[in-house]
Amino acid sequence: MLRNDTLTPRGVALTPELHDYLLAQGRMTPDPLLAELIERTHAAIPDQAHMSVAPEEGALLTFLVRLLGARRIVEVGTFTGYSSLCLARGLPADGSLITFDVSAEWTELAREFWVRDGVADRIELRLGDALETLRALPAEPHLDLAFIDADKPGYVGYWEELVPRLRPGGLLLVDNTLFSGQVIDEDPGPKPAAVRAFNEHARRDERVELVMLPIADGLTAARRLAPGERASRGPWNEGPR
């Protein structure tokens, strides 16, 4: 088995200056509406504003929706609507995004910005327990893309509801899977421990092919395999075949 020190270097430290360069050169700098949503979120709920996705992650969501040609999307965890807006921007005019959250207060801000951006007709917000509302979705594989960014202890449950509902080739994205690096702590707190347990659960799932990317706070991308298809694996992967 290859040692870590024989592999490609892990990458560069993302300083604030380099992050600004990344956003500018990658055409990922938030436009005025997204920038205003960030500012309004910080003003309204400063202690929770970090829960919104990073600008580069939002840009990636739009890019992946368009790349995949997605028409049916589910999101678990709306917050103030930044990621929802980015997902909806990638949809065609007749596409649909169902997004789940428990907070009527936070999502009121989301609704305002969806309307202002002209994507409100593509978004359906469902308030309530996410597991219950997910179970109300059609059971057959029909989703092109799903995004999980909600309470960390619920990740495994959301995953188990969404994977069977993805069409073959559909994409499941999961946010915060590095959790500020705390997933490798010897004695992590409850939230990073839940994320670490989810990461192991996802790694062992033979229904998908996945990668974990060091984007923002960690982003796991899983592609639903077709019947009879097997995930490709490298010699560094110790997961079961």
Protein backbone atom coordinates (compact mmCIF):
# COMPACT_ATOMS: atom_id res chain seq x y z
CA MET A 1 0.00 0.00 0.00
CA LEU A 2 1.28 3.49 -0.85
CA ARG A 3 2.41 5.69 2.00
CA ASN A 4 0.94 9.16 2.29
CA ASP A 5 4.37 10.74 1.81
CA THR A 6 4.72 9.14 -1.64
CA LEU A 7 1.52 10.74 -2.94
CA THR A 8 0.98 14.16 -4.46
CA PRO A 9 1.43 17.02 -1.95
CA ARG A 10 -1.79 17.91 -0.16
CA GLY A 11 -2.00 21.43 -1.58
CA VAL A 12 -1.41 25.01 -0.57
CA ALA A 13 -2.60 26.92 2.47
CA LEU A 14 -5.56 29.07 1.43
CA THR A 15 -4.72 32.50 2.82
CA PRO A 16 -7.33 35.29 2.58
CA GLU A 17 -5.38 36.83 -0.29
CA LEU A 18 -5.16 33.53 -2.15
CA HIS A 19 -8.85 32.90 -1.50
CA ASP A 20 -9.70 36.25 -3.09
CA TYR A 21 -7.53 35.31 -6.08
CA LEU A 22 -9.25 31.93 -6.33
CA LEU A 23 -12.70 33.52 -6.38
CA ALA A 24 -11.71 36.16 -8.92
CA GLN A 25 -9.84 33.90 -11.34
CA GLY A 26 -12.41 31.13 -11.05
CA ARG A 27 -15.28 33.56 -11.70
CA MET A 28 -16.73 32.63 -8.32
CA THR A 29 -16.91 36.02 -6.62
CA PRO A 30 -20.50 36.45 -5.36
CA ASP A 31 -22.58 38.75 -7.55
CA PRO A 32 -24.31 41.73 -5.87
CA LEU A 33 -27.43 39.75 -4.92
CA LEU A 34 -25.46 36.89 -3.36
CA ALA A 35 -23.17 39.37 -1.61
CA GLU A 36 -26.22 41.11 -0.15
CA LEU A 37 -27.62 37.78 1.04
CA ILE A 38 -24.32 37.08 2.82
CA GLU A 39 -24.41 40.51 4.46
CA ARG A 40 -28.06 40.18 5.50
CA THR A 41 -27.39 36.73 6.97
CA HIS A 42 -24.49 38.06 9.03
CA ALA A 43 -26.59 40.99 10.22
CA ALA A 44 -29.63 38.89 11.15
CA ILE A 45 -27.95 35.87 12.74
CA PRO A 46 -24.23 36.58 13.21
CA ASP A 47 -23.65 33.56 15.45
CA GLN A 48 -25.01 31.19 12.80
CA ALA A 49 -23.91 32.89 9.58
CA HIS A 50 -21.06 30.39 9.15
CA MET A 51 -23.68 27.76 8.32
CA SER A 52 -24.08 29.21 4.83
CA VAL A 53 -22.00 27.56 2.10
CA ALA A 54 -18.80 29.27 0.96
CA PRO A 55 -18.89 31.27 -2.30
CA GLU A 56 -16.73 28.75 -4.14
CA GLU A 57 -19.00 25.94 -3.01
CA GLY A 58 -22.08 27.81 -4.17
CA ALA A 59 -20.49 28.38 -7.56
CA LEU A 60 -19.63 24.69 -7.75
CA LEU A 61 -23.24 23.74 -7.00
CA THR A 62 -24.49 25.81 -9.94
CA PHE A 63 -21.76 24.38 -12.17
CA LEU A 64 -22.56 20.77 -11.24
CA VAL A 65 -26.30 21.21 -11.76
CA ARG A 66 -25.63 22.49 -15.27
CA LEU A 67 -22.95 19.90 -16.00
CA LEU A 68 -25.26 17.09 -14.94
CA GLY A 69 -28.26 18.56 -16.75
CA ALA A 70 -30.18 18.11 -13.51
CA ARG A 71 -33.92 18.76 -13.50
CA ARG A 72 -34.99 17.29 -10.14
CA ILE A 73 -33.07 18.28 -7.01
CA VAL A 74 -33.58 17.83 -3.27
CA GLU A 75 -31.77 19.84 -0.61
CA VAL A 76 -31.72 19.02 3.11
CA GLY A 77 -30.94 22.20 5.04
CA THR A 78 -32.07 25.51 3.53
CA PHE A 79 -30.83 28.03 6.12
CA THR A 80 -31.09 31.51 4.51
CA GLY A 81 -31.17 30.16 1.00
CA TYR A 82 -27.69 30.75 -0.45
CA SER A 83 -27.15 27.16 -1.57
CA SER A 84 -30.77 26.85 -2.72
CA LEU A 85 -30.37 29.92 -4.88
CA CYS A 86 -27.16 28.55 -6.39
CA LEU A 87 -28.77 25.18 -7.10
CA ALA A 88 -31.86 26.77 -8.64
CA ARG A 89 -29.76 29.01 -10.88
CA GLY A 90 -28.39 25.90 -12.57
CA LEU A 91 -31.82 24.42 -13.28
CA PRO A 92 -33.70 24.82 -16.56
CA ALA A 93 -36.90 26.85 -16.48
CA ASP A 94 -38.99 23.71 -15.91
CA GLY A 95 -36.64 22.21 -13.31
CA SER A 96 -37.56 21.82 -9.65
CA LEU A 97 -35.80 22.01 -6.31
CA ILE A 98 -37.43 20.78 -3.11
CA THR A 99 -35.62 22.10 -0.05
CA PHE A 100 -36.24 21.06 3.56
CA ASP A 101 -35.70 23.05 6.74
CA VAL A 102 -37.14 23.45 10.23
CA SER A 103 -36.87 27.24 10.60
CA ALA A 104 -39.59 29.52 9.26
CA GLU A 105 -37.55 32.51 10.45
CA TRP A 106 -34.34 31.73 8.56
CA THR A 107 -36.12 30.63 5.41
CA GLU A 108 -38.16 33.84 5.26
CA LEU A 109 -34.96 35.58 4.22
CA ALA A 110 -34.36 32.81 1.69
CA ARG A 111 -37.80 33.33 0.12
CA GLU A 112 -37.13 37.04 -0.35
CA PHE A 113 -33.93 36.42 -2.28
CA TRP A 114 -35.37 33.61 -4.39
CA VAL A 115 -38.08 36.00 -5.56
CA ARG A 116 -35.60 38.78 -6.25
CA ASP A 117 -33.40 36.43 -8.27
CA GLY A 118 -36.31 35.13 -10.34
CA VAL A 119 -35.95 31.47 -9.31
CA ALA A 120 -38.77 31.21 -6.75
CA ASP A 121 -40.97 29.32 -9.21
CA ARG A 122 -38.39 26.50 -9.31
CA ILE A 123 -38.13 26.11 -5.52
CA GLU A 124 -40.53 24.39 -3.14
CA LEU A 125 -39.78 24.87 0.56
CA ARG A 126 -41.05 22.21 2.95
CA LEU A 127 -40.82 22.99 6.66
CA GLY A 128 -40.69 20.22 9.25
CA ASP A 129 -38.72 17.15 10.21
CA ALA A 130 -36.46 16.36 7.26
CA LEU A 131 -36.57 12.58 7.64
CA GLU A 132 -40.35 12.54 7.64
CA THR A 133 -40.59 14.84 4.65
CA LEU A 134 -37.95 12.87 2.74
CA ARG A 135 -39.92 9.69 3.30
CA ALA A 136 -42.92 11.35 1.68
CA LEU A 137 -41.01 11.64 -1.62
CA PRO A 138 -41.60 9.01 -4.33
CA ALA A 139 -39.58 5.92 -3.45
CA GLU A 140 -38.40 5.13 -6.96
CA PRO A 141 -35.09 6.50 -8.32
CA HIS A 142 -35.97 9.89 -9.78
CA LEU A 143 -33.58 12.52 -8.40
CA ASP A 144 -30.75 13.91 -10.49
CA LEU A 145 -28.97 15.60 -7.60
CA ALA A 146 -29.30 15.95 -3.84
CA PHE A 147 -27.44 18.14 -1.35
CA ILE A 148 -27.17 17.53 2.41
CA ASP A 149 -26.17 20.42 4.66
CA ALA A 150 -28.15 20.04 7.87
CA ASP A 151 -27.86 18.66 11.41
CA LYS A 152 -24.83 16.37 11.51
CA PRO A 153 -26.34 13.51 13.60
CA GLY A 154 -28.99 13.21 10.90
CA TYR A 155 -26.54 12.71 8.02
CA VAL A 156 -26.70 8.91 7.90
CA GLY A 157 -30.50 8.93 7.94
CA TYR A 158 -30.69 11.52 5.16
CA TRP A 159 -28.16 9.55 3.12
CA GLU A 160 -30.18 6.38 3.47
CA GLU A 161 -33.36 8.11 2.32
CA LEU A 162 -31.69 9.83 -0.64
CA VAL A 163 -29.40 7.20 -2.16
CA PRO A 164 -32.27 4.89 -3.26
CA ARG A 165 -34.08 7.88 -4.76
CA LEU A 166 -31.16 8.91 -6.97
CA ARG A 167 -31.30 7.81 -10.58
CA PRO A 168 -28.25 5.87 -11.85
CA GLY A 169 -25.59 8.48 -12.45
CA GLY A 170 -27.30 10.90 -10.06
CA LEU A 171 -25.15 12.90 -7.68
CA LEU A 172 -25.36 13.22 -3.89
CA LEU A 173 -23.35 16.06 -2.33
CA VAL A 174 -22.70 16.28 1.41
CA ASP A 175 -21.28 19.38 3.09
CA ASN A 176 -18.97 19.80 6.13
CA THR A 177 -17.44 16.33 5.87
CA LEU A 178 -14.09 17.56 7.21
CA PHE A 179 -15.74 19.62 9.97
CA SER A 180 -12.88 22.07 10.52
CA GLY A 181 -10.46 19.13 10.69
CA GLN A 182 -12.05 17.83 13.89
CA VAL A 183 -13.01 14.52 12.25
CA ILE A 184 -9.50 13.22 12.96
CA ASP A 185 -9.36 14.37 16.60
CA GLU A 186 -8.81 11.58 19.12
CA ASP A 187 -11.74 12.76 21.22
CA PRO A 188 -14.06 14.78 18.95
CA GLY A 189 -17.23 16.40 20.19
CA PRO A 190 -20.68 15.08 19.29
CA LYS A 191 -20.99 16.87 15.93
CA PRO A 192 -17.57 15.95 14.48
CA ALA A 193 -18.03 12.42 15.84
CA ALA A 194 -21.33 12.21 13.95
CA VAL A 195 -19.65 13.45 10.77
CA ARG A 196 -16.82 10.94 11.18
CA ALA A 197 -19.34 8.13 11.61
CA PHE A 198 -21.17 9.33 8.50
CA ASN A 199 -17.93 9.45 6.50
CA GLU A 200 -17.22 5.83 7.38
CA HIS A 201 -20.79 4.85 6.55
CA ALA A 202 -20.58 6.53 3.14
CA ARG A 203 -17.15 5.05 2.37
CA ARG A 204 -18.50 1.54 2.83
CA ASP A 205 -21.62 2.06 0.71
CA GLU A 206 -21.35 -0.13 -2.39
CA ARG A 207 -24.26 1.63 -4.11
CA VAL A 208 -22.16 4.69 -4.91
CA GLU A 209 -18.78 5.82 -6.14
CA LEU A 210 -17.52 8.73 -4.09
CA VAL A 211 -14.77 11.26 -3.59
CA MET A 212 -14.13 13.56 -0.64
CA LEU A 213 -12.87 16.99 -1.65
CA PRO A 214 -11.09 19.65 0.46
CA ILE A 215 -13.48 22.37 -0.69
CA ALA A 216 -14.59 24.82 2.01
CA ASP A 217 -15.29 22.62 5.08
CA GLY A 218 -15.09 19.39 3.09
CA LEU A 219 -17.47 18.23 0.37
CA THR A 220 -18.25 14.59 -0.38
CA ALA A 221 -19.61 13.82 -3.85
CA ALA A 222 -21.20 10.43 -4.48
CA ARG A 223 -22.40 9.11 -7.84
CA ARG A 224 -25.20 6.53 -7.81
CA LEU A 225 -24.06 3.39 -9.57
CA ALA A 226 -26.18 1.66 -12.17
CA PRO A 227 -27.30 -1.94 -11.49
CA GLY A 228 -24.31 -4.22 -11.96
CA GLU A 229 -21.82 -1.32 -12.00
CA ARG A 230 -18.96 -1.37 -9.52
CA ALA A 231 -17.09 1.60 -8.14
CA SER A 232 -13.53 2.12 -9.28
CA ARG A 233 -11.02 1.92 -6.44
CA GLY A 234 -7.38 2.82 -6.00
CA PRO A 235 -4.75 0.88 -4.04
CA TRP A 236 -5.02 3.44 -1.25
CA ASN A 237 -8.66 2.57 -0.57
CA GLU A 238 -9.07 -0.02 2.15
CA GLY A 239 -12.83 -0.18 1.83
CA PRO A 240 -14.50 -3.55 1.18
CA ARG A 241 -15.06 -4.66 -2.39
